[in-house]
N, C-alpha and C. Protein backbone atom coordinates (compact mmCIF):
# COMPACT_ATOMS: atom_id res chain seq x y z
N MET A 1 44.97 55.59 -9.22
CA MET A 1 44.12 54.65 -8.52
C MET A 1 45.00 53.78 -7.62
N SER A 2 44.62 53.65 -6.37
CA SER A 2 45.44 52.87 -5.46
C SER A 2 45.19 51.36 -5.72
N ARG A 3 46.11 50.55 -5.12
CA ARG A 3 46.02 49.09 -5.30
C ARG A 3 44.74 48.54 -4.67
N ILE A 4 44.28 49.08 -3.58
CA ILE A 4 43.04 48.65 -2.97
C ILE A 4 41.87 48.88 -3.84
N GLN A 5 41.83 50.10 -4.47
CA GLN A 5 40.73 50.51 -5.35
C GLN A 5 40.64 49.54 -6.55
N LYS A 6 41.82 49.07 -7.07
CA LYS A 6 41.79 48.17 -8.18
C LYS A 6 41.24 46.84 -7.87
N HIS A 7 41.26 46.37 -6.59
CA HIS A 7 40.79 45.09 -6.17
C HIS A 7 39.33 45.14 -5.71
N VAL A 8 38.74 46.29 -5.50
CA VAL A 8 37.41 46.40 -5.04
C VAL A 8 36.41 45.62 -5.91
N PRO A 9 36.46 45.75 -7.24
CA PRO A 9 35.49 45.00 -8.06
C PRO A 9 35.67 43.50 -7.88
N VAL A 10 36.92 43.04 -7.80
CA VAL A 10 37.10 41.61 -7.63
C VAL A 10 36.59 41.12 -6.27
N LEU A 11 36.86 41.92 -5.22
CA LEU A 11 36.34 41.54 -3.89
C LEU A 11 34.79 41.58 -3.89
N PHE A 12 34.27 42.56 -4.50
CA PHE A 12 32.77 42.64 -4.56
C PHE A 12 32.19 41.42 -5.28
N ALA A 13 32.74 41.05 -6.38
CA ALA A 13 32.27 39.87 -7.16
C ALA A 13 32.42 38.58 -6.30
N ALA A 14 33.58 38.46 -5.68
CA ALA A 14 33.79 37.25 -4.85
C ALA A 14 32.74 37.21 -3.70
N THR A 15 32.48 38.33 -3.07
CA THR A 15 31.53 38.38 -2.00
C THR A 15 30.14 38.00 -2.48
N CYS A 16 29.74 38.56 -3.62
CA CYS A 16 28.46 38.24 -4.25
C CYS A 16 28.31 36.74 -4.52
N LEU A 17 29.34 36.14 -5.10
CA LEU A 17 29.30 34.73 -5.39
C LEU A 17 29.19 33.87 -4.14
N ALA A 18 29.92 34.28 -3.04
CA ALA A 18 29.81 33.54 -1.82
C ALA A 18 28.45 33.63 -1.26
N LEU A 19 27.80 34.84 -1.31
CA LEU A 19 26.47 34.96 -0.77
C LEU A 19 25.45 34.17 -1.61
N LEU A 20 25.62 34.20 -2.92
CA LEU A 20 24.68 33.40 -3.78
C LEU A 20 24.85 31.98 -3.59
N GLY A 21 26.05 31.45 -3.28
CA GLY A 21 26.28 30.09 -3.00
C GLY A 21 25.53 29.62 -1.81
N GLY A 22 25.39 30.52 -0.83
CA GLY A 22 24.65 30.19 0.38
C GLY A 22 23.14 30.23 0.18
N CYS A 23 22.66 30.75 -0.94
CA CYS A 23 21.27 30.87 -1.20
C CYS A 23 20.70 29.75 -2.10
N THR A 24 21.54 28.83 -2.51
CA THR A 24 21.04 27.75 -3.39
C THR A 24 20.23 26.72 -2.57
N SER A 25 19.44 25.99 -3.35
CA SER A 25 18.53 25.02 -2.67
C SER A 25 19.23 23.80 -2.26
N GLY A 26 20.48 23.53 -2.78
CA GLY A 26 21.20 22.32 -2.43
C GLY A 26 20.83 21.14 -3.36
N ILE A 27 19.96 21.39 -4.29
CA ILE A 27 19.49 20.36 -5.18
C ILE A 27 20.63 19.88 -6.10
N GLY A 28 21.50 20.77 -6.44
CA GLY A 28 22.67 20.46 -7.30
C GLY A 28 23.62 19.46 -6.69
N GLU A 29 23.58 19.26 -5.38
CA GLU A 29 24.47 18.31 -4.70
C GLU A 29 23.90 16.91 -4.68
N LEU A 30 22.66 16.71 -5.09
CA LEU A 30 22.00 15.42 -5.01
C LEU A 30 22.33 14.57 -6.22
N PRO A 31 22.37 13.23 -6.10
CA PRO A 31 22.63 12.37 -7.27
C PRO A 31 21.37 12.28 -8.12
N PRO A 32 21.51 11.88 -9.38
CA PRO A 32 20.36 11.68 -10.22
C PRO A 32 19.42 10.61 -9.65
N LEU A 33 18.13 10.80 -9.78
CA LEU A 33 17.17 9.85 -9.24
C LEU A 33 17.40 8.39 -9.75
N GLU A 34 17.80 8.30 -11.05
CA GLU A 34 17.97 6.94 -11.63
C GLU A 34 19.07 6.20 -10.92
N SER A 35 19.98 6.85 -10.29
CA SER A 35 21.15 6.19 -9.62
C SER A 35 20.78 5.70 -8.24
N ILE A 36 19.62 6.09 -7.66
CA ILE A 36 19.32 5.70 -6.30
C ILE A 36 18.36 4.52 -6.19
N GLY A 37 17.82 4.07 -7.29
CA GLY A 37 16.92 2.95 -7.21
C GLY A 37 16.14 2.67 -8.47
N SER A 38 15.68 1.50 -8.62
CA SER A 38 14.94 1.09 -9.81
C SER A 38 13.58 1.78 -9.84
N ALA A 39 13.12 1.96 -11.09
CA ALA A 39 11.78 2.56 -11.30
C ALA A 39 10.71 1.44 -11.45
N GLU A 40 11.06 0.24 -11.04
CA GLU A 40 10.08 -0.89 -11.04
C GLU A 40 9.20 -0.81 -9.79
N LEU A 41 7.93 -1.00 -10.04
CA LEU A 41 7.00 -1.03 -8.93
C LEU A 41 7.26 -2.19 -8.00
N ARG A 42 7.38 -1.94 -6.73
CA ARG A 42 7.64 -2.98 -5.72
C ARG A 42 6.60 -2.74 -4.59
N LEU A 43 6.13 -3.82 -4.06
CA LEU A 43 5.10 -3.75 -3.03
C LEU A 43 5.68 -3.35 -1.66
N ALA A 44 4.89 -2.69 -0.87
CA ALA A 44 5.26 -2.30 0.47
C ALA A 44 4.03 -2.24 1.37
N PRO A 45 4.18 -2.17 2.59
CA PRO A 45 3.04 -2.14 3.56
C PRO A 45 2.06 -1.05 3.16
N GLY A 46 0.77 -1.34 3.22
CA GLY A 46 -0.28 -0.39 2.86
C GLY A 46 -0.81 -0.57 1.42
N ASP A 47 -0.06 -1.25 0.56
CA ASP A 47 -0.52 -1.45 -0.81
C ASP A 47 -1.69 -2.45 -0.78
N LYS A 48 -2.68 -2.18 -1.65
CA LYS A 48 -3.82 -3.10 -1.78
C LYS A 48 -3.69 -3.76 -3.19
N ILE A 49 -3.77 -5.09 -3.16
CA ILE A 49 -3.62 -5.84 -4.45
C ILE A 49 -4.72 -6.87 -4.62
N ARG A 50 -4.90 -7.32 -5.88
CA ARG A 50 -5.82 -8.37 -6.20
C ARG A 50 -5.04 -9.60 -6.60
N ILE A 51 -5.39 -10.71 -5.95
CA ILE A 51 -4.70 -11.97 -6.21
C ILE A 51 -5.74 -12.92 -6.81
N ALA A 52 -5.41 -13.59 -7.96
CA ALA A 52 -6.28 -14.59 -8.53
C ALA A 52 -5.45 -15.83 -8.87
N VAL A 53 -5.99 -16.95 -8.51
CA VAL A 53 -5.33 -18.25 -8.80
C VAL A 53 -6.28 -19.09 -9.60
N GLN A 54 -5.83 -19.46 -10.80
CA GLN A 54 -6.70 -20.25 -11.72
C GLN A 54 -7.03 -21.54 -11.01
N ASP A 55 -8.33 -21.92 -11.08
CA ASP A 55 -8.83 -23.21 -10.51
C ASP A 55 -8.80 -23.24 -9.01
N LEU A 56 -8.70 -22.12 -8.32
CA LEU A 56 -8.68 -22.05 -6.89
C LEU A 56 -9.36 -20.75 -6.43
N ASP A 57 -10.71 -20.76 -6.51
CA ASP A 57 -11.46 -19.57 -6.21
C ASP A 57 -11.33 -19.10 -4.72
N THR A 58 -11.02 -20.04 -3.83
CA THR A 58 -10.91 -19.67 -2.43
C THR A 58 -9.80 -18.62 -2.17
N MET A 59 -8.81 -18.52 -3.07
CA MET A 59 -7.73 -17.53 -2.87
C MET A 59 -7.96 -16.25 -3.59
N ASP A 60 -8.94 -16.22 -4.55
CA ASP A 60 -9.17 -14.98 -5.31
C ASP A 60 -9.72 -13.92 -4.39
N GLY A 61 -9.14 -12.73 -4.43
CA GLY A 61 -9.61 -11.65 -3.65
C GLY A 61 -8.66 -10.46 -3.56
N GLU A 62 -9.08 -9.48 -2.76
CA GLU A 62 -8.26 -8.26 -2.56
C GLU A 62 -7.58 -8.41 -1.19
N TYR A 63 -6.32 -8.05 -1.16
CA TYR A 63 -5.51 -8.15 0.02
C TYR A 63 -4.76 -6.88 0.22
N ILE A 64 -4.47 -6.50 1.51
CA ILE A 64 -3.62 -5.41 1.83
C ILE A 64 -2.34 -5.94 2.46
N VAL A 65 -1.23 -5.43 1.98
CA VAL A 65 0.07 -5.79 2.56
C VAL A 65 0.12 -5.21 3.98
N ASP A 66 0.29 -6.07 4.98
CA ASP A 66 0.30 -5.53 6.37
C ASP A 66 1.60 -4.90 6.72
N GLU A 67 1.65 -4.37 7.97
CA GLU A 67 2.87 -3.63 8.43
C GLU A 67 4.09 -4.47 8.50
N THR A 68 3.97 -5.79 8.47
CA THR A 68 5.15 -6.69 8.46
C THR A 68 5.61 -6.96 7.03
N GLY A 69 4.85 -6.49 6.06
CA GLY A 69 5.22 -6.70 4.67
C GLY A 69 4.69 -8.00 4.07
N SER A 70 3.70 -8.56 4.68
CA SER A 70 3.17 -9.85 4.20
C SER A 70 1.66 -9.79 4.00
N VAL A 71 1.14 -10.81 3.33
CA VAL A 71 -0.29 -10.98 3.20
C VAL A 71 -0.64 -12.34 3.71
N SER A 72 -1.80 -12.45 4.30
CA SER A 72 -2.33 -13.72 4.81
C SER A 72 -3.32 -14.32 3.81
N LEU A 73 -2.94 -15.47 3.29
CA LEU A 73 -3.75 -16.13 2.22
C LEU A 73 -4.31 -17.45 2.72
N PRO A 74 -5.52 -17.79 2.27
CA PRO A 74 -6.05 -19.08 2.63
C PRO A 74 -5.17 -20.21 2.04
N LEU A 75 -5.05 -21.29 2.75
CA LEU A 75 -4.33 -22.51 2.31
C LEU A 75 -2.86 -22.40 2.45
N VAL A 76 -2.27 -21.20 2.46
CA VAL A 76 -0.79 -21.12 2.54
C VAL A 76 -0.33 -20.20 3.66
N ASN A 77 -1.21 -19.55 4.37
CA ASN A 77 -0.91 -18.64 5.47
C ASN A 77 -0.15 -17.41 5.02
N GLN A 78 0.80 -16.93 5.85
CA GLN A 78 1.53 -15.68 5.58
C GLN A 78 2.53 -15.88 4.44
N VAL A 79 2.57 -14.87 3.52
CA VAL A 79 3.54 -14.82 2.46
C VAL A 79 4.18 -13.45 2.50
N GLN A 80 5.52 -13.41 2.68
CA GLN A 80 6.24 -12.17 2.77
C GLN A 80 6.41 -11.60 1.35
N ILE A 81 5.89 -10.42 1.06
CA ILE A 81 5.94 -9.88 -0.27
C ILE A 81 6.46 -8.43 -0.38
N SER A 82 6.75 -7.83 0.73
CA SER A 82 7.24 -6.43 0.71
C SER A 82 8.62 -6.43 0.00
N GLY A 83 8.78 -5.42 -0.91
CA GLY A 83 10.01 -5.29 -1.62
C GLY A 83 10.05 -6.09 -2.93
N LEU A 84 9.01 -6.88 -3.19
CA LEU A 84 8.98 -7.73 -4.39
C LEU A 84 8.20 -7.04 -5.48
N SER A 85 8.61 -7.34 -6.74
CA SER A 85 7.81 -6.90 -7.87
C SER A 85 6.60 -7.77 -8.05
N TYR A 86 5.70 -7.41 -8.89
CA TYR A 86 4.46 -8.20 -9.11
C TYR A 86 4.81 -9.60 -9.62
N VAL A 87 5.74 -9.75 -10.49
CA VAL A 87 6.12 -11.09 -11.00
C VAL A 87 6.75 -11.92 -9.90
N GLU A 88 7.56 -11.28 -9.05
CA GLU A 88 8.13 -12.01 -7.95
C GLU A 88 7.11 -12.47 -6.91
N VAL A 89 6.06 -11.64 -6.71
CA VAL A 89 4.98 -12.00 -5.82
C VAL A 89 4.21 -13.22 -6.41
N GLN A 90 3.95 -13.17 -7.67
CA GLN A 90 3.25 -14.29 -8.34
C GLN A 90 4.03 -15.52 -8.16
N ASN A 91 5.35 -15.48 -8.35
CA ASN A 91 6.23 -16.63 -8.22
C ASN A 91 6.29 -17.12 -6.79
N ALA A 92 6.29 -16.22 -5.82
CA ALA A 92 6.36 -16.61 -4.41
C ALA A 92 5.07 -17.34 -3.97
N ILE A 93 3.93 -16.83 -4.40
CA ILE A 93 2.67 -17.45 -4.10
C ILE A 93 2.58 -18.80 -4.78
N ALA A 94 2.96 -18.86 -6.03
CA ALA A 94 2.92 -20.13 -6.74
C ALA A 94 3.80 -21.18 -6.07
N ALA A 95 5.00 -20.79 -5.59
CA ALA A 95 5.96 -21.70 -4.97
C ALA A 95 5.33 -22.19 -3.68
N ARG A 96 4.66 -21.30 -2.95
CA ARG A 96 4.01 -21.69 -1.67
C ARG A 96 2.92 -22.71 -1.89
N LEU A 97 2.14 -22.51 -2.96
CA LEU A 97 1.05 -23.44 -3.31
C LEU A 97 1.61 -24.82 -3.69
N VAL A 98 2.73 -24.87 -4.34
CA VAL A 98 3.38 -26.19 -4.68
C VAL A 98 3.93 -26.79 -3.43
N GLU A 99 4.65 -26.01 -2.57
CA GLU A 99 5.20 -26.55 -1.34
C GLU A 99 4.13 -27.18 -0.44
N ASN A 100 2.94 -26.51 -0.37
CA ASN A 100 1.87 -27.02 0.49
C ASN A 100 0.98 -28.10 -0.20
N ASP A 101 1.41 -28.55 -1.35
CA ASP A 101 0.69 -29.55 -2.12
C ASP A 101 -0.76 -29.15 -2.45
N VAL A 102 -1.00 -27.83 -2.67
CA VAL A 102 -2.32 -27.34 -3.02
C VAL A 102 -2.55 -27.49 -4.52
N LEU A 103 -1.61 -27.12 -5.36
CA LEU A 103 -1.68 -27.25 -6.80
C LEU A 103 -0.26 -27.65 -7.29
N LYS A 104 -0.23 -28.44 -8.40
CA LYS A 104 1.07 -28.79 -8.98
C LYS A 104 1.67 -27.78 -9.88
N GLU A 105 0.82 -27.04 -10.69
CA GLU A 105 1.29 -26.01 -11.57
C GLU A 105 0.37 -24.81 -11.44
N PRO A 106 0.46 -24.05 -10.40
CA PRO A 106 -0.43 -22.91 -10.19
C PRO A 106 -0.23 -21.80 -11.17
N ASN A 107 -1.33 -21.15 -11.57
CA ASN A 107 -1.25 -19.99 -12.38
C ASN A 107 -1.78 -18.80 -11.57
N VAL A 108 -0.86 -18.00 -11.07
CA VAL A 108 -1.21 -16.94 -10.15
C VAL A 108 -1.06 -15.56 -10.86
N THR A 109 -2.05 -14.68 -10.63
CA THR A 109 -1.98 -13.32 -11.18
C THR A 109 -2.13 -12.34 -10.02
N VAL A 110 -1.32 -11.30 -10.05
CA VAL A 110 -1.32 -10.26 -9.03
C VAL A 110 -1.41 -8.89 -9.73
N GLN A 111 -2.41 -8.09 -9.30
CA GLN A 111 -2.59 -6.79 -9.90
C GLN A 111 -2.74 -5.72 -8.79
N PRO A 112 -2.27 -4.51 -9.11
CA PRO A 112 -2.42 -3.45 -8.09
C PRO A 112 -3.80 -2.93 -8.11
N ILE A 113 -4.33 -2.54 -6.93
CA ILE A 113 -5.65 -1.88 -6.81
C ILE A 113 -5.43 -0.48 -6.32
N ASP A 114 -4.87 -0.36 -5.16
CA ASP A 114 -4.68 0.93 -4.50
C ASP A 114 -3.27 0.98 -3.87
N LEU A 115 -2.38 1.74 -4.47
CA LEU A 115 -1.01 1.75 -3.96
C LEU A 115 -0.77 2.98 -3.08
N ARG A 116 0.33 3.02 -2.36
CA ARG A 116 0.66 4.16 -1.46
C ARG A 116 0.58 5.44 -2.17
N PRO A 117 0.11 6.54 -1.54
CA PRO A 117 0.00 7.81 -2.20
C PRO A 117 1.41 8.46 -2.33
N ILE A 118 1.43 9.47 -3.15
CA ILE A 118 2.66 10.32 -3.32
C ILE A 118 2.39 11.61 -2.63
N TYR A 119 3.47 12.32 -2.33
CA TYR A 119 3.39 13.63 -1.61
C TYR A 119 4.16 14.59 -2.43
N ILE A 120 3.53 15.80 -2.62
CA ILE A 120 4.13 16.88 -3.39
C ILE A 120 4.21 18.10 -2.50
N MET A 121 5.44 18.62 -2.30
CA MET A 121 5.63 19.75 -1.38
C MET A 121 6.38 20.86 -2.12
N GLY A 122 6.38 21.99 -1.51
CA GLY A 122 7.23 23.13 -2.03
C GLY A 122 6.40 24.04 -2.92
N GLU A 123 7.05 24.49 -3.99
CA GLU A 123 6.52 25.55 -4.83
C GLU A 123 5.55 25.01 -5.93
N VAL A 124 4.44 24.40 -5.42
CA VAL A 124 3.36 24.05 -6.30
C VAL A 124 2.10 24.70 -5.78
N ARG A 125 1.05 24.85 -6.55
CA ARG A 125 -0.16 25.60 -6.14
C ARG A 125 -0.91 24.84 -5.02
N SER A 126 -0.96 23.52 -5.10
CA SER A 126 -1.70 22.76 -4.08
C SER A 126 -0.90 21.63 -3.52
N PRO A 127 0.09 21.90 -2.65
CA PRO A 127 0.90 20.78 -2.10
C PRO A 127 -0.02 19.85 -1.27
N GLY A 128 0.44 18.58 -1.23
CA GLY A 128 -0.32 17.64 -0.38
C GLY A 128 -0.15 16.20 -0.89
N GLU A 129 -1.07 15.35 -0.43
CA GLU A 129 -1.06 13.93 -0.70
C GLU A 129 -1.94 13.68 -1.90
N TYR A 130 -1.44 12.84 -2.88
CA TYR A 130 -2.18 12.52 -4.02
C TYR A 130 -2.18 11.02 -4.34
N SER A 131 -3.21 10.50 -4.94
CA SER A 131 -3.25 9.08 -5.28
C SER A 131 -2.24 8.78 -6.34
N PHE A 132 -1.60 7.62 -6.20
CA PHE A 132 -0.67 7.16 -7.21
C PHE A 132 -1.41 6.45 -8.34
N ARG A 133 -0.96 6.64 -9.58
CA ARG A 133 -1.47 5.91 -10.66
C ARG A 133 -0.30 5.49 -11.55
N GLN A 134 -0.39 4.34 -12.20
CA GLN A 134 0.74 3.80 -12.95
C GLN A 134 1.05 4.78 -14.10
N GLY A 135 2.32 4.82 -14.42
CA GLY A 135 2.81 5.69 -15.49
C GLY A 135 3.01 7.12 -15.13
N LEU A 136 2.90 7.46 -13.89
CA LEU A 136 3.04 8.82 -13.36
C LEU A 136 4.45 9.31 -13.48
N THR A 137 4.60 10.51 -14.01
CA THR A 137 5.91 11.17 -14.10
C THR A 137 5.89 12.42 -13.17
N VAL A 138 7.06 13.05 -13.01
CA VAL A 138 7.17 14.26 -12.23
C VAL A 138 6.26 15.33 -12.77
N PHE A 139 6.25 15.44 -14.12
CA PHE A 139 5.41 16.48 -14.80
C PHE A 139 3.93 16.26 -14.44
N ALA A 140 3.44 15.03 -14.53
CA ALA A 140 2.06 14.71 -14.29
C ALA A 140 1.76 14.95 -12.79
N ALA A 141 2.71 14.62 -11.90
CA ALA A 141 2.48 14.81 -10.49
C ALA A 141 2.38 16.29 -10.13
N VAL A 142 3.26 17.12 -10.72
CA VAL A 142 3.19 18.55 -10.51
C VAL A 142 1.87 19.15 -11.06
N SER A 143 1.46 18.57 -12.20
CA SER A 143 0.18 19.05 -12.77
C SER A 143 -0.97 18.70 -11.81
N MET A 144 -0.96 17.49 -11.19
CA MET A 144 -1.99 17.13 -10.26
C MET A 144 -2.02 18.11 -9.10
N ALA A 145 -0.92 18.66 -8.72
CA ALA A 145 -0.83 19.64 -7.61
C ALA A 145 -1.05 21.07 -8.11
N GLY A 146 -1.61 21.28 -9.28
CA GLY A 146 -1.98 22.58 -9.72
C GLY A 146 -0.91 23.31 -10.49
N GLY A 147 0.21 22.68 -10.68
CA GLY A 147 1.31 23.29 -11.46
C GLY A 147 2.26 24.03 -10.54
N TYR A 148 3.33 24.56 -11.17
CA TYR A 148 4.34 25.30 -10.44
C TYR A 148 3.81 26.67 -10.07
N THR A 149 4.32 27.17 -8.94
CA THR A 149 4.03 28.65 -8.57
C THR A 149 5.03 29.45 -9.40
N TYR A 150 4.82 30.77 -9.39
CA TYR A 150 5.68 31.64 -10.13
C TYR A 150 7.12 31.63 -9.57
N ARG A 151 7.32 31.24 -8.37
CA ARG A 151 8.62 31.21 -7.74
C ARG A 151 9.37 29.94 -7.94
N ALA A 152 8.70 28.94 -8.54
CA ALA A 152 9.29 27.55 -8.62
C ALA A 152 10.52 27.45 -9.49
N LYS A 153 11.43 26.63 -9.13
CA LYS A 153 12.56 26.24 -9.97
C LYS A 153 12.01 25.09 -10.80
N THR A 154 11.78 25.34 -12.08
CA THR A 154 11.16 24.30 -12.94
C THR A 154 12.25 23.43 -13.58
N GLY A 155 11.79 22.30 -13.98
CA GLY A 155 12.72 21.45 -14.71
C GLY A 155 13.38 20.37 -13.87
N GLU A 156 13.68 20.67 -12.62
CA GLU A 156 14.27 19.71 -11.72
C GLU A 156 13.61 19.76 -10.33
N VAL A 157 13.41 18.59 -9.75
CA VAL A 157 12.83 18.55 -8.41
C VAL A 157 13.64 17.51 -7.62
N ALA A 158 13.48 17.49 -6.33
CA ALA A 158 14.07 16.43 -5.47
C ALA A 158 13.02 15.41 -5.19
N VAL A 159 13.37 14.14 -5.38
CA VAL A 159 12.42 13.06 -5.04
C VAL A 159 13.07 12.19 -3.98
N THR A 160 12.31 11.97 -2.88
CA THR A 160 12.79 11.07 -1.82
C THR A 160 12.02 9.76 -2.00
N ARG A 161 12.79 8.66 -1.98
CA ARG A 161 12.20 7.33 -2.33
C ARG A 161 12.73 6.35 -1.34
N SER A 162 11.88 5.38 -0.90
CA SER A 162 12.29 4.27 -0.08
C SER A 162 12.98 3.25 -0.96
N VAL A 163 14.21 2.95 -0.62
CA VAL A 163 14.95 1.89 -1.32
C VAL A 163 15.40 0.91 -0.23
N GLY A 164 14.72 -0.24 -0.21
CA GLY A 164 14.99 -1.22 0.82
C GLY A 164 14.50 -0.61 2.14
N ASP A 165 15.39 -0.55 3.12
CA ASP A 165 15.03 -0.03 4.46
C ASP A 165 15.46 1.39 4.69
N ARG A 166 15.92 2.05 3.60
CA ARG A 166 16.39 3.44 3.77
C ARG A 166 15.75 4.41 2.83
N GLN A 167 15.76 5.66 3.19
CA GLN A 167 15.21 6.76 2.37
C GLN A 167 16.36 7.40 1.67
N THR A 168 16.26 7.58 0.38
CA THR A 168 17.31 8.29 -0.36
C THR A 168 16.62 9.37 -1.23
N THR A 169 17.38 10.42 -1.50
CA THR A 169 16.89 11.58 -2.28
C THR A 169 17.74 11.79 -3.48
N GLY A 170 17.12 12.08 -4.63
CA GLY A 170 17.86 12.38 -5.86
C GLY A 170 17.15 13.40 -6.69
N ILE A 171 17.87 13.88 -7.69
CA ILE A 171 17.32 14.86 -8.59
C ILE A 171 16.54 14.15 -9.69
N ALA A 172 15.39 14.75 -10.00
CA ALA A 172 14.55 14.15 -11.04
C ALA A 172 14.18 15.28 -12.05
N THR A 173 14.03 14.85 -13.30
CA THR A 173 13.54 15.75 -14.30
C THR A 173 12.04 15.61 -14.49
N GLU A 174 11.38 16.41 -15.27
CA GLU A 174 9.93 16.32 -15.49
C GLU A 174 9.51 14.95 -16.11
N ASP A 175 10.43 14.28 -16.77
CA ASP A 175 10.11 13.00 -17.38
C ASP A 175 10.37 11.80 -16.51
N SER A 176 10.92 12.01 -15.37
CA SER A 176 11.31 10.90 -14.48
C SER A 176 10.04 10.20 -13.97
N PRO A 177 10.05 8.89 -13.90
CA PRO A 177 8.87 8.14 -13.39
C PRO A 177 8.81 8.24 -11.87
N ILE A 178 7.56 8.29 -11.39
CA ILE A 178 7.30 8.39 -9.93
C ILE A 178 6.78 6.99 -9.48
N LEU A 179 7.19 6.57 -8.26
CA LEU A 179 6.73 5.34 -7.67
C LEU A 179 5.83 5.61 -6.44
N PRO A 180 5.03 4.59 -6.08
CA PRO A 180 4.20 4.82 -4.87
C PRO A 180 5.04 5.17 -3.70
N GLY A 181 4.54 6.12 -2.89
CA GLY A 181 5.26 6.52 -1.69
C GLY A 181 6.32 7.61 -1.88
N ASP A 182 6.60 7.95 -3.15
CA ASP A 182 7.62 9.02 -3.36
C ASP A 182 7.17 10.36 -2.84
N ARG A 183 8.16 11.11 -2.37
CA ARG A 183 7.95 12.48 -1.92
C ARG A 183 8.68 13.42 -2.83
N ILE A 184 7.92 14.32 -3.51
CA ILE A 184 8.47 15.29 -4.43
C ILE A 184 8.56 16.62 -3.79
N ARG A 185 9.75 17.27 -3.88
CA ARG A 185 9.85 18.65 -3.40
C ARG A 185 10.32 19.49 -4.56
N VAL A 186 9.46 20.59 -4.79
CA VAL A 186 9.78 21.59 -5.81
C VAL A 186 10.35 22.75 -5.08
N TYR A 187 11.60 23.11 -5.49
CA TYR A 187 12.30 24.19 -4.81
C TYR A 187 11.99 25.56 -5.43
N GLU A 188 12.35 26.57 -4.65
CA GLU A 188 12.15 27.96 -5.10
C GLU A 188 13.38 28.38 -5.86
N ARG A 189 13.19 29.04 -7.03
CA ARG A 189 14.33 29.60 -7.74
C ARG A 189 14.75 30.90 -7.12
N TRP A 190 15.98 31.21 -7.24
CA TRP A 190 16.51 32.40 -6.58
C TRP A 190 16.59 33.60 -7.52
N PHE A 191 16.76 33.34 -8.81
CA PHE A 191 16.85 34.48 -9.74
C PHE A 191 16.29 34.10 -11.04
């Protein structure tokens, strides 16, 4: 057996590995979803919320966060709330009521009504836009989209999330929580 013939199996294996490396989805190169941002619900433009202020019926109502990230409220005007949690929004509105001498100790409640939709793409039976609901996980979102196709790479998906002013993508498992506005991509498995 010549020296070249001895190396043919090694060369063949190396060539196969190189080709397979080019066929991966690239999901393995992404950071874990937990490392790219908090799983706490934060408000953003387009979210619809209910605000109630004890002893101040004129402010009770449903509001939509506008494209500037604020809501316009009676007696206090514009309040910037984009990027804030519900508790932070309650505190911001309460502080504005105190600043404007409307109430001395306001009791403000903020609740979600209709939050930004999520998007599911790739190897699911019915890709598209779906309504967000609290407590949603990747598994539940994939189920809403009809489940995985037979070609899907199960167990891990890529989730693109808005963190501040930027979009970041990370790997999520089926138990990972989903936030309003998240985009989920289910990749195709290769073997």
